[in-house]
Every structure is written in structure tokens, then in C-alpha cells.
Amino acid sequence: MQQTLQNVIDFINTLMWSKLLIVMLISCGLYFTFRTKFLQFRLFKEMLRVLKESTGGPRDKISPFQAFCISMAARVGTGNITGIAIAIALGGPGAVFWMWVIAIIGSASSFIESTLAQVYKVKDKDGFRGGPAYYMERGLNKRWMGALFAILITLSFGLVFNAVQSNTITLAFQNAFGTNRLAVGLVMAAAFGIIIFGGVKRIAKMSEYIVVILAVLYIGIAAYIVLVNIGQVPAVLALIVKSAFGVEQIAGGSLGAALMQGVKRGLFSNEAGMGSAPNAAATATTSHPVKQGLIQALGVLVDTLVICTSTAMIILLSGMYTQSGLGGIELTQAALSIHLGSWASGFLALMVFLFAFSTLIGNYYYGETNIAFLKSNKIWIVIYRISVLAMIIFGSVAKVKLVWDLADLFMGLMVIVNLIAITMLSKVAFAALKDYMKQKKAGKDPVFTRESLSVLDRSHIVDCWDSPPTPTKGK
């Protein structure tokens, strides 16, 4: 039964990832890049400014920075450590180059989807919520499309992707400490169960602390390794580029593997255009949708160009990627042990646990907000929470290939639906960016209302951006 399921998943994934998704991701990313006039480079300084500006705010609301942290909690996880190792093991060093490419052009896609999530967000008892399901219904008037996406993201992030995180954690602990995988899975499910009944504000606060501390620590370790091996860095960078375009790769047929693995694992890590980060982006309280769009575009660049590259450097500088039989978390652990000593394997296992645990938090929230879109009923939320905990336990003992292939399947289906929607709605995001830049040039702190954009006609349901009431003159 499991082998039959594996064969079906392999067949569908080959159809999607060999051509269709690569073409869609790159073509849409390039289209958004040109239409936003290379926003990734032109407004990079503004991205940093807006992120710094957003760190304050009322305690009872989710700040743009906290929304950024929720999305980064989902982005920064095993995809940055295990996913990159898998990409290098299967696609060679050239996969890293294509990972960079998909991140750079994908940041424009992330800007579009996150800006749209802000425009079409809705208010609830906790503040705001939104995402692709909401802009498909409220911007395109296609509730069926929103419902389809809501189901896909709930299955993907809430269930399958959380099984991937659990799988990586238990393998890392087994490899480092010889622990029982099921026992670790049960402990993790129990701890996570306590958290998810605390609500989105607790999720946001935990994400804010965990992600920042872990990301800084991991980047610091990678920076130390790079500095110690600085003489080898030019050769490693040349190897990455050569492997992405080299004649021997084309002749040997591995160029396609490098491209496919780089795109797949890069997308799994940074989620650009997938439709996941907009769910977090919509929760932020901000004065203009573009601010959150810029912050999320920055998140893609940080995730891939900094954190994923850190893992790639650790692996490639160690030379362990040439060893057969190593892939995934075991490869990263072996590489880190070469650089720092045998203790590093256990240290990475603990770090992976915290990384993946923060990802569980972000993944869980994405599913919850989309269940609210489908059916605002507490019973469904309880069923969902129980299912999430069950998948964490399942992932803790499942085979590595099965859970990662399931993740690729659902991730691919999400991307197809979301890219179609954001392409159809992209004129709204382009107009919002134009409005933002116009106000910036006038020396204003940009403020958005639905009247700001002429493209928002009566067919668009936008009810969180009303104009502030005009003050009445005193007698």
C-alpha cells in the first residue's frame, strides 16, 4: 500500500516539477520583477527601514514585525537545514545557484501576494486575518477557488509539512543521541499541544523570540566556519556556478537535477509565491499594505540568501557532500562535525528541534486561519488541532522520502492555484505600490484607504481600509 502511494506521488511530482512549476515560478517571478521595476534591489533599503519601524506598536495588536516573525517561523526550519542538504545530495552544488535565483525573483512574487493579503484582509476577534483564500473570494469573486486553496494549505502546512518537521527532529535526535523516534515525537506533540491552545497572539510572541535568536545563532556559526575556511570560499562559489552551468553537468544530464532540486528545496524553504506567508502578512496592523509586502519580500531574501546559504557553505566547505549514503539532516550533521567536532552533531539536533518547533507554530496558524475561512466553527478547529498532533506523531516514525514527497505534492498544487490568482490580481498590488511611492516622494508616511486605488471597484470587497472620518468643525 505504501509503495503504491509512493509510486503515484512520484508520478504526479515528476509531471509538476520537471516543467510546469519551474516555468510558472520563474515566468511569474520575472513578470512581477519587471512590473515592480526590480523592487528587490530598488527598495531593499526601504525594506530594512520599514522592518525597523515596525518593531514597536500596541501590545494588544500584532505588529508588522510580529507578522514577519510568524512567516519566518514557517520559513526558517528544516527546509534551511535538511532541505538544502537534500538539494545538494540529489542535485549537486549547482542546486544552490538555482536556489538563489528562485529567491531573488521570488521575492517579487512574495511582495505581490503579501500586499494583496493586506488589501483584502478581514477583521476578527483577535485582530485581522486573511491570505490567498480571502483575496480569491474578495478580489476575484471566486469563493470556490478560495475554498480549494484553503483545503490545500490546511492539508499542506497543518498536516503534511508538520510531519516533515517532526521527521527531521526525530532523525536528528536518533542520529545524535540514539533516542527512540516515537518517544521524541510524543514529547513534541504534548509540548506543541499546550501552545496551540493559546491563540494567535501567543503564537506571534513565541515566534518573535525563537526565530530571531535561532537565526542569529545559526548564521553566527556559519560565519565562523566561513571565516576559518575563507581561503576555500572562492573555489566553493566557483563550484556552485560551474555546477549550475558546467558542460559536464549538461553532458551528464545532472543540470536538470540541479535546477529541479534548487527550485523545489528553495521554494520549500522561502515559500515565495506559494501562498503561505500572506496568511501571516494579513494579521499585521499597518498603515499601508505595501509596508507588509516589502517586509515579506525581505523575508524571502533573508531566508534563502543568508540562512540557506549558511547551510550550503557548511556542507560544501566540509566536502562531505561527496560521500554516498548521506542526505538530509545526517549530511548537515556530518558536515558540522567536520568543522566543529563530534559534539556539533548533538548541538545541531537541539537547534533543529527549536528551528522545527518554531516552524510547527507558523504552519499550524496557516491551517487555522484557512479553516476559519471554510467554516467558522470551534468543533472543526478542535478536530484540526487533534489532526496536527497526530501528524506530528506520524512524521516522527515515517520514512523520510514519503513525507518529503508528500510535501512536494501539496506544495506544488498550492503554488499553481496561488500563482494564477495573484497574476489575475497583480494590478491591485502594482497600483498600491505606485500609491505608496507617490506618498513617499511627497514626504509623507504612506497611509492607505480603499479610495486610494481606482482599480478597487464595487466587485472588490475591501472593508478594512475605510477612510478615517472627517473631523467636524466646532461651533
Protein backbone atom coordinates (compact mmCIF):
# COMPACT_ATOMS: atom_id res chain seq x y z
CA MET A 1 0.00 0.00 0.00
CA GLN A 2 2.73 2.46 0.98
CA GLN A 3 4.74 1.59 -2.13
CA THR A 4 1.69 2.15 -4.37
CA LEU A 5 1.12 5.54 -2.72
CA GLN A 6 4.80 6.37 -3.22
CA ASN A 7 4.60 5.48 -6.94
CA VAL A 8 1.52 7.67 -7.50
CA ILE A 9 3.13 10.62 -5.69
CA ASP A 10 6.37 10.20 -7.68
CA PHE A 11 4.43 10.23 -10.97
CA ILE A 12 2.49 13.41 -10.16
CA ASN A 13 5.54 15.19 -8.75
CA THR A 14 7.56 14.42 -11.87
CA LEU A 15 4.83 15.94 -14.06
CA MET A 16 4.59 19.07 -11.93
CA TRP A 17 8.21 19.75 -11.02
CA SER A 18 10.06 18.76 -14.21
CA LYS A 19 8.49 21.55 -16.28
CA LEU A 20 5.18 23.12 -15.23
CA LEU A 21 6.08 24.60 -11.85
CA ILE A 22 9.58 25.69 -12.83
CA VAL A 23 8.16 27.58 -15.82
CA MET A 24 5.34 29.12 -13.75
CA LEU A 25 7.55 30.20 -10.84
CA ILE A 26 10.26 31.74 -13.00
CA SER A 27 7.94 33.40 -15.54
CA CYS A 28 5.63 34.89 -12.88
CA GLY A 29 8.59 35.99 -10.77
CA LEU A 30 10.20 37.72 -13.74
CA TYR A 31 6.90 39.38 -14.72
CA PHE A 32 6.41 40.76 -11.19
CA THR A 33 10.07 41.82 -11.06
CA PHE A 34 9.82 43.86 -14.27
CA ARG A 35 6.42 45.36 -13.39
CA THR A 36 7.67 46.49 -9.96
CA LYS A 37 10.85 47.87 -11.59
CA PHE A 38 13.16 45.44 -9.81
CA LEU A 39 11.71 46.09 -6.37
CA GLN A 40 14.10 43.54 -4.77
CA PHE A 41 17.07 45.82 -5.47
CA ARG A 42 15.47 49.25 -5.82
CA LEU A 43 13.62 49.18 -2.49
CA PHE A 44 15.94 46.99 -0.41
CA LYS A 45 16.88 49.90 1.84
CA GLU A 46 13.19 50.74 2.27
CA MET A 47 12.51 47.11 3.27
CA LEU A 48 15.02 47.41 6.10
CA ARG A 49 13.62 50.80 7.18
CA VAL A 50 10.03 49.54 7.29
CA LEU A 51 11.05 46.43 9.25
CA LYS A 52 12.87 48.56 11.83
CA GLU A 53 9.90 50.96 12.02
CA SER A 54 7.50 48.08 12.68
CA THR A 55 9.16 46.66 15.80
CA GLY A 56 7.01 48.80 18.13
CA GLY A 57 3.26 49.20 18.24
CA PRO A 58 0.35 48.47 20.60
CA ARG A 59 0.75 45.37 22.76
CA ASP A 60 -2.78 44.15 22.04
CA LYS A 61 -2.21 44.05 18.27
CA ILE A 62 0.07 42.03 16.02
CA SER A 63 2.77 44.34 14.72
CA PRO A 64 4.18 44.06 11.19
CA PHE A 65 7.39 42.74 12.79
CA GLN A 66 5.49 40.01 14.65
CA ALA A 67 3.66 39.08 11.43
CA PHE A 68 7.08 38.90 9.78
CA CYS A 69 8.23 36.58 12.58
CA ILE A 70 5.19 34.29 12.18
CA SER A 71 6.01 33.91 8.47
CA MET A 72 9.72 33.47 9.21
CA ALA A 73 8.82 30.83 11.81
CA ALA A 74 7.25 28.83 8.98
CA ARG A 75 10.05 29.64 6.53
CA VAL A 76 13.04 29.12 8.81
CA GLY A 77 13.03 25.48 9.75
CA THR A 78 14.14 22.13 8.44
CA GLY A 79 13.97 23.43 4.87
CA ASN A 80 17.01 25.57 5.65
CA ILE A 81 18.99 22.70 7.16
CA THR A 82 17.62 19.42 5.83
CA GLY A 83 16.10 20.67 2.57
CA ILE A 84 19.32 22.29 1.38
CA ALA A 85 21.28 19.14 2.24
CA ILE A 86 18.82 17.07 0.20
CA ALA A 87 19.12 19.51 -2.72
CA ILE A 88 22.93 19.25 -2.72
CA ALA A 89 22.89 15.46 -2.27
CA LEU A 90 20.48 14.93 -5.22
CA GLY A 91 21.25 17.90 -7.46
CA GLY A 92 24.88 18.68 -6.64
CA PRO A 93 26.38 22.06 -5.69
CA GLY A 94 24.66 23.68 -8.69
CA ALA A 95 21.32 23.37 -6.91
CA VAL A 96 22.45 26.21 -4.61
CA PHE A 97 22.71 28.61 -7.56
CA TRP A 98 19.16 27.88 -8.71
CA MET A 99 18.01 28.24 -5.12
CA TRP A 100 19.45 31.79 -5.18
CA VAL A 101 17.75 32.56 -8.49
CA ILE A 102 14.31 31.44 -7.33
CA ALA A 103 14.70 33.50 -4.14
CA ILE A 104 15.68 36.72 -5.92
CA ILE A 105 12.88 36.64 -8.47
CA GLY A 106 10.50 35.01 -5.98
CA SER A 107 10.80 37.94 -3.57
CA ALA A 108 8.78 39.98 -6.09
CA SER A 109 6.08 37.27 -6.05
CA SER A 110 6.10 37.39 -2.25
CA PHE A 111 5.62 41.16 -2.36
CA ILE A 112 2.58 40.81 -4.60
CA GLU A 113 0.84 38.08 -2.57
CA SER A 114 1.51 39.70 0.81
CA THR A 115 0.35 43.15 -0.35
CA LEU A 116 -2.86 41.57 -1.67
CA ALA A 117 -3.35 39.76 1.66
CA GLN A 118 -3.28 43.13 3.43
CA VAL A 119 -5.67 44.78 0.97
CA TYR A 120 -8.31 42.06 1.29
CA LYS A 121 -7.86 41.11 4.96
CA VAL A 122 -10.84 40.82 7.32
CA LYS A 123 -11.28 41.73 10.98
CA ASP A 124 -11.94 39.07 13.61
CA LYS A 125 -11.94 38.85 17.42
CA ASP A 126 -8.13 38.52 17.51
CA GLY A 127 -7.42 41.38 15.09
CA PHE A 128 -7.04 40.62 11.38
CA ARG A 129 -6.79 37.50 9.26
CA GLY A 130 -6.50 36.87 5.56
CA GLY A 131 -4.43 35.24 2.83
CA PRO A 132 -4.94 33.74 -0.63
CA ALA A 133 -8.35 32.19 0.17
CA TYR A 134 -9.57 35.64 1.16
CA TYR A 135 -8.21 37.55 -1.83
CA MET A 136 -9.50 34.87 -4.18
CA GLU A 137 -13.00 35.34 -2.75
CA ARG A 138 -12.96 39.09 -2.15
CA GLY A 139 -10.79 40.19 -5.08
CA LEU A 140 -11.68 37.64 -7.78
CA ASN A 141 -15.20 36.80 -6.52
CA LYS A 142 -14.28 33.10 -6.71
CA ARG A 143 -15.10 31.52 -3.37
CA TRP A 144 -14.68 28.04 -4.86
CA MET A 145 -11.07 28.90 -5.67
CA GLY A 146 -10.53 30.24 -2.16
CA ALA A 147 -12.06 27.09 -0.67
CA LEU A 148 -9.80 24.89 -2.81
CA PHE A 149 -6.73 26.80 -1.66
CA ALA A 150 -7.87 26.76 1.97
CA ILE A 151 -8.15 22.97 1.86
CA LEU A 152 -4.75 22.60 0.17
CA ILE A 153 -2.88 24.84 2.62
CA THR A 154 -4.55 23.22 5.63
CA LEU A 155 -3.51 19.78 4.42
CA SER A 156 -0.05 21.01 3.37
CA PHE A 157 1.09 23.14 6.27
CA GLY A 158 -1.07 21.98 9.13
CA LEU A 159 -0.63 18.28 8.44
CA VAL A 160 2.00 17.22 5.85
CA PHE A 161 4.60 19.95 6.44
CA ASN A 162 4.37 19.45 10.19
CA ALA A 163 5.05 15.76 9.63
CA VAL A 164 8.21 16.82 7.72
CA GLN A 165 9.37 18.94 10.65
CA SER A 166 8.70 16.11 13.11
CA ASN A 167 10.50 13.64 10.85
CA THR A 168 13.63 15.78 10.76
CA ILE A 169 13.67 16.36 14.52
CA THR A 170 13.38 12.67 15.42
CA LEU A 171 16.00 11.64 12.85
CA ALA A 172 18.41 14.29 14.14
CA PHE A 173 17.96 13.12 17.74
CA GLN A 174 18.29 9.47 16.79
CA ASN A 175 21.47 10.20 14.83
CA ALA A 176 23.00 12.33 17.63
CA PHE A 177 21.78 10.66 20.82
CA GLY A 178 20.32 7.29 19.78
CA THR A 179 16.87 8.25 21.11
CA ASN A 180 13.65 6.46 20.23
CA ARG A 181 11.92 8.38 17.43
CA LEU A 182 8.38 7.69 18.64
CA ALA A 183 9.21 8.81 22.18
CA VAL A 184 10.59 12.12 20.90
CA GLY A 185 7.51 12.54 18.70
CA LEU A 186 5.15 12.04 21.64
CA VAL A 187 7.00 14.56 23.81
CA MET A 188 6.98 17.07 20.98
CA ALA A 189 3.26 16.59 20.32
CA ALA A 190 2.49 17.10 24.02
CA ALA A 191 4.52 20.33 24.20
CA PHE A 192 3.01 21.64 20.98
CA GLY A 193 -0.50 20.82 22.16
CA ILE A 194 -0.04 23.20 25.09
CA ILE A 195 1.00 26.04 22.77
CA ILE A 196 -1.67 25.82 20.08
CA PHE A 197 -4.48 26.33 22.55
CA GLY A 198 -3.02 29.73 23.45
CA GLY A 199 -4.23 31.68 20.41
CA VAL A 200 -2.52 33.65 17.64
CA LYS A 201 -1.04 36.32 19.94
CA ARG A 202 0.88 33.69 21.92
CA ILE A 203 1.98 32.16 18.60
CA ALA A 204 3.21 35.58 17.44
CA LYS A 205 5.10 36.29 20.66
CA MET A 206 6.81 32.87 20.76
CA SER A 207 7.76 33.16 17.08
CA GLU A 208 9.26 36.59 17.66
CA TYR A 209 11.68 35.27 20.28
CA ILE A 210 12.51 31.84 18.85
CA VAL A 211 13.15 32.85 15.25
CA VAL A 212 15.36 35.85 15.95
CA ILE A 213 17.56 34.05 18.49
CA LEU A 214 17.96 30.88 16.41
CA ALA A 215 18.57 32.66 13.12
CA VAL A 216 21.29 34.86 14.63
CA LEU A 217 22.94 31.87 16.34
CA TYR A 218 22.90 29.70 13.20
CA ILE A 219 24.19 32.48 10.96
CA GLY A 220 26.92 33.19 13.52
CA ILE A 221 28.10 29.56 13.45
CA ALA A 222 28.12 29.55 9.64
CA ALA A 223 30.00 32.87 9.56
CA TYR A 224 32.66 31.43 11.88
CA ILE A 225 33.07 28.38 9.63
CA VAL A 226 33.33 30.57 6.53
CA LEU A 227 35.96 32.81 8.17
CA VAL A 228 38.02 29.83 9.29
CA ASN A 229 37.89 28.44 5.74
CA ILE A 230 37.95 31.79 3.94
CA GLY A 231 40.67 30.63 1.54
CA GLN A 232 38.36 27.93 0.15
CA VAL A 233 35.32 30.19 -0.33
CA PRO A 234 36.18 31.44 -3.86
CA ALA A 235 36.63 27.84 -5.03
CA VAL A 236 33.29 26.83 -3.47
CA LEU A 237 31.46 29.75 -5.13
CA ALA A 238 33.06 28.84 -8.46
CA LEU A 239 31.99 25.22 -7.94
CA ILE A 240 28.37 26.31 -7.36
CA VAL A 241 28.25 28.36 -10.57
CA LYS A 242 30.20 25.79 -12.58
CA SER A 243 27.88 23.00 -11.42
CA ALA A 244 24.83 25.09 -12.35
CA PHE A 245 26.04 25.72 -15.93
CA GLY A 246 29.05 23.43 -16.45
CA VAL A 247 29.48 21.41 -19.62
CA GLU A 248 29.96 18.17 -17.69
CA GLN A 249 26.63 18.69 -15.92
CA ILE A 250 24.81 19.16 -19.24
CA ALA A 251 26.53 16.15 -20.78
CA GLY A 252 25.82 14.00 -17.74
CA GLY A 253 22.18 15.02 -17.51
CA SER A 254 22.59 16.40 -13.98
CA LEU A 255 21.86 20.01 -14.95
CA GLY A 256 18.14 19.26 -14.82
CA ALA A 257 18.53 17.67 -11.39
CA ALA A 258 20.37 20.75 -10.09
CA LEU A 259 17.67 23.06 -11.45
CA MET A 260 14.78 20.96 -10.15
CA GLN A 261 16.26 20.42 -6.70
CA GLY A 262 17.29 24.07 -6.38
CA VAL A 263 13.80 25.28 -7.24
CA LYS A 264 11.97 22.67 -5.11
CA ARG A 265 14.07 22.98 -1.99
CA GLY A 266 14.42 26.74 -2.38
CA LEU A 267 10.65 27.11 -2.61
CA PHE A 268 10.07 24.78 0.34
CA SER A 269 12.34 26.98 2.40
CA ASN A 270 11.37 30.53 1.35
CA GLU A 271 7.75 29.82 0.24
CA ALA A 272 7.81 32.65 -2.33
CA GLY A 273 4.60 32.57 -4.39
CA MET A 274 3.29 29.55 -2.52
CA GLY A 275 0.55 31.49 -0.74
CA SER A 276 1.60 30.66 2.81
CA ALA A 277 3.31 33.84 4.06
CA PRO A 278 0.29 36.05 3.08
CA ASN A 279 -1.68 34.37 5.87
CA ALA A 280 0.78 35.84 8.36
CA ALA A 281 1.13 39.12 6.46
CA ALA A 282 -2.62 39.75 6.76
CA THR A 283 -2.52 39.70 10.57
CA ALA A 284 -0.39 42.84 10.84
CA THR A 285 -1.74 46.22 11.84
CA THR A 286 -0.08 48.66 9.45
CA SER A 287 -0.84 51.97 7.73
CA HIS A 288 -0.30 50.72 4.17
CA PRO A 289 -0.42 47.22 2.59
CA VAL A 290 2.85 47.81 0.74
CA LYS A 291 4.74 48.03 4.04
CA GLN A 292 3.93 44.42 4.83
CA GLY A 293 4.58 43.42 1.21
CA LEU A 294 8.09 44.87 1.45
CA ILE A 295 8.74 43.14 4.79
CA GLN A 296 7.70 39.76 3.41
CA ALA A 297 9.81 40.26 0.26
CA LEU A 298 12.76 40.86 2.58
CA GLY A 299 11.91 37.65 4.43
CA VAL A 300 12.42 35.59 1.26
CA LEU A 301 15.85 37.14 0.67
CA VAL A 302 16.95 36.64 4.29
CA ASP A 303 15.71 33.05 4.37
CA THR A 304 17.48 31.89 1.22
CA LEU A 305 20.42 34.19 0.55
CA VAL A 306 21.53 34.24 4.19
CA ILE A 307 20.23 31.21 6.13
CA CYS A 308 20.07 28.60 3.34
CA THR A 309 23.43 29.77 2.02
CA SER A 310 24.84 29.28 5.53
CA THR A 311 23.87 25.60 5.38
CA ALA A 312 25.23 25.27 1.84
CA MET A 313 28.59 26.70 2.90
CA ILE A 314 28.80 24.42 5.94
CA ILE A 315 28.20 21.38 3.71
CA LEU A 316 30.30 22.36 0.68
CA LEU A 317 33.31 23.54 2.73
CA SER A 318 33.33 20.20 4.56
CA GLY A 319 33.46 18.09 1.39
CA MET A 320 31.01 15.62 2.95
CA TYR A 321 28.51 16.03 0.10
CA THR A 322 30.70 13.70 -1.99
CA GLN A 323 30.10 10.83 0.44
CA SER A 324 27.46 8.37 -0.75
CA GLY A 325 24.64 7.43 1.58
CA LEU A 326 24.46 10.83 3.27
CA GLY A 327 21.45 13.07 2.68
CA GLY A 328 19.18 15.34 4.64
CA ILE A 329 19.87 16.11 8.29
CA GLU A 330 22.56 13.41 8.52
CA LEU A 331 24.63 15.22 5.86
CA THR A 332 24.39 18.56 7.66
CA GLN A 333 25.27 16.95 10.98
CA ALA A 334 28.27 15.17 9.45
CA ALA A 335 29.47 18.41 7.80
CA LEU A 336 29.14 20.41 11.01
CA SER A 337 31.06 17.73 12.92
CA ILE A 338 33.94 18.03 10.43
CA HIS A 339 34.18 21.76 11.17
CA LEU A 340 33.50 21.86 14.91
CA GLY A 341 34.00 18.34 16.27
CA SER A 342 31.73 15.43 17.16
CA TRP A 343 29.78 17.47 19.74
CA ALA A 344 28.32 19.56 16.89
CA SER A 345 26.01 16.72 15.80
CA GLY A 346 24.12 16.84 19.09
CA PHE A 347 24.18 20.63 19.14
CA LEU A 348 22.61 20.75 15.67
CA ALA A 349 19.96 18.24 16.78
CA LEU A 350 18.93 20.62 19.58
CA MET A 351 18.96 23.59 17.20
CA VAL A 352 16.91 21.67 14.64
CA PHE A 353 14.40 20.87 17.35
CA LEU A 354 13.93 24.57 18.12
CA PHE A 355 14.00 25.58 14.44
CA ALA A 356 11.42 22.97 13.52
CA PHE A 357 9.33 23.70 16.59
CA SER A 358 9.06 27.35 15.56
CA THR A 359 8.04 26.16 12.09
CA LEU A 360 5.30 23.99 13.61
CA ILE A 361 3.90 27.18 15.14
CA GLY A 362 3.76 29.07 11.84
CA ASN A 363 2.43 26.05 9.93
CA TYR A 364 -0.32 25.49 12.47
CA TYR A 365 -1.53 29.08 12.23
CA TYR A 366 -1.79 28.91 8.43
CA GLY A 367 -4.15 25.95 8.72
CA GLU A 368 -6.24 27.53 11.48
CA THR A 369 -6.89 30.78 9.60
CA ASN A 370 -7.98 28.86 6.49
CA ILE A 371 -10.32 26.60 8.45
CA ALA A 372 -11.91 29.81 9.72
CA PHE A 373 -12.41 30.78 6.07
CA LEU A 374 -14.10 27.47 5.29
CA LYS A 375 -16.19 27.06 8.42
CA SER A 376 -16.24 29.30 11.46
CA ASN A 377 -16.89 26.51 13.92
CA LYS A 378 -14.91 25.62 17.06
CA ILE A 379 -15.51 21.90 16.52
CA TRP A 380 -13.56 21.99 13.24
CA ILE A 381 -10.71 23.83 14.95
CA VAL A 382 -10.56 21.13 17.66
CA ILE A 383 -10.56 18.38 15.01
CA TYR A 384 -7.80 20.21 13.17
CA ARG A 385 -5.69 20.54 16.32
CA ILE A 386 -6.00 16.83 17.08
CA SER A 387 -5.09 16.02 13.46
CA VAL A 388 -1.99 18.23 13.65
CA LEU A 389 -0.79 16.43 16.77
CA ALA A 390 -1.47 13.06 15.11
CA MET A 391 0.61 14.05 12.05
CA ILE A 392 3.47 15.16 14.29
CA ILE A 393 3.48 11.66 15.79
CA PHE A 394 3.14 10.03 12.33
CA GLY A 395 6.01 12.09 10.93
CA SER A 396 8.24 11.13 13.83
CA VAL A 397 8.37 7.50 12.63
CA ALA A 398 7.60 7.72 8.87
CA LYS A 399 10.14 7.19 6.08
CA VAL A 400 11.99 10.34 5.01
CA LYS A 401 11.24 10.06 1.28
CA LEU A 402 7.49 9.61 1.73
CA VAL A 403 6.94 12.69 3.90
CA TRP A 404 9.14 14.94 1.72
CA ASP A 405 7.45 13.74 -1.48
CA LEU A 406 4.03 14.37 0.05
CA ALA A 407 5.22 17.87 0.93
CA ASP A 408 6.34 18.45 -2.67
CA LEU A 409 2.96 17.27 -3.98
CA PHE A 410 0.81 19.58 -1.87
CA MET A 411 3.29 22.44 -2.19
CA GLY A 412 3.09 22.19 -5.98
CA LEU A 413 -0.71 22.21 -6.04
CA MET A 414 -0.76 25.28 -3.75
CA VAL A 415 1.68 27.15 -5.97
CA ILE A 416 -0.36 26.54 -9.13
CA VAL A 417 -3.59 27.86 -7.60
CA ASN A 418 -1.94 30.85 -5.90
CA LEU A 419 0.16 31.99 -8.87
CA ILE A 420 -2.93 32.04 -11.08
CA ALA A 421 -4.77 34.18 -8.51
CA ILE A 422 -2.00 36.72 -7.82
CA THR A 423 -1.32 37.15 -11.54
CA MET A 424 -5.00 37.97 -12.08
CA LEU A 425 -4.97 40.42 -9.14
CA SER A 426 -1.48 41.82 -9.64
CA LYS A 427 -2.78 45.16 -11.00
CA VAL A 428 -4.07 45.90 -7.47
CA ALA A 429 -0.62 45.34 -5.95
CA PHE A 430 1.06 47.39 -8.69
CA ALA A 431 -1.38 50.26 -8.05
CA ALA A 432 -0.79 50.03 -4.29
CA LEU A 433 2.99 50.25 -4.84
CA LYS A 434 2.52 53.29 -7.09
CA ASP A 435 0.36 54.96 -4.41
CA TYR A 436 2.97 54.16 -1.73
CA MET A 437 5.86 55.61 -3.74
CA LYS A 438 3.83 58.72 -4.61
CA GLN A 439 3.23 59.43 -0.92
CA LYS A 440 6.88 58.71 -0.07
CA LYS A 441 8.06 61.22 -2.68
CA ALA A 442 5.70 63.80 -1.14
CA GLY A 443 7.49 63.29 2.19
CA LYS A 444 4.55 61.51 3.85
CA ASP A 445 4.31 58.36 5.90
CA PRO A 446 2.11 56.41 3.44
CA VAL A 447 -1.47 55.80 4.55
CA PHE A 448 -3.86 53.63 2.56
CA THR A 449 -7.63 53.73 2.07
CA ARG A 450 -9.75 51.86 -0.45
CA GLU A 451 -10.29 55.17 -2.26
CA SER A 452 -6.53 55.29 -2.90
CA LEU A 453 -6.87 52.84 -5.78
CA SER A 454 -9.21 53.35 -8.72
CA VAL A 455 -8.87 49.64 -9.60
CA LEU A 456 -10.84 48.73 -6.45
CA ASP A 457 -14.34 48.93 -7.88
CA ARG A 458 -17.56 47.54 -6.41
CA SER A 459 -16.62 43.98 -7.40
CA HIS A 460 -13.77 44.07 -4.86
CA ILE A 461 -14.74 43.51 -1.22
CA VAL A 462 -12.42 45.72 0.82
CA ASP A 463 -13.75 46.61 4.27
CA CYS A 464 -10.68 47.11 6.49
CA TRP A 465 -9.41 50.24 4.75
CA ASP A 466 -12.20 52.79 5.09
CA SER A 467 -11.30 56.48 5.03
CA PRO A 468 -10.96 58.00 8.51
CA PRO A 469 -13.98 60.12 9.46
CA THR A 470 -13.66 63.81 8.59
CA PRO A 471 -13.48 65.83 11.80
CA THR A 472 -16.43 68.16 12.32
CA LYS A 473 -15.74 71.82 12.88
CA GLY A 474 -16.58 73.28 16.25
CA LYS A 475 -19.32 75.90 16.54
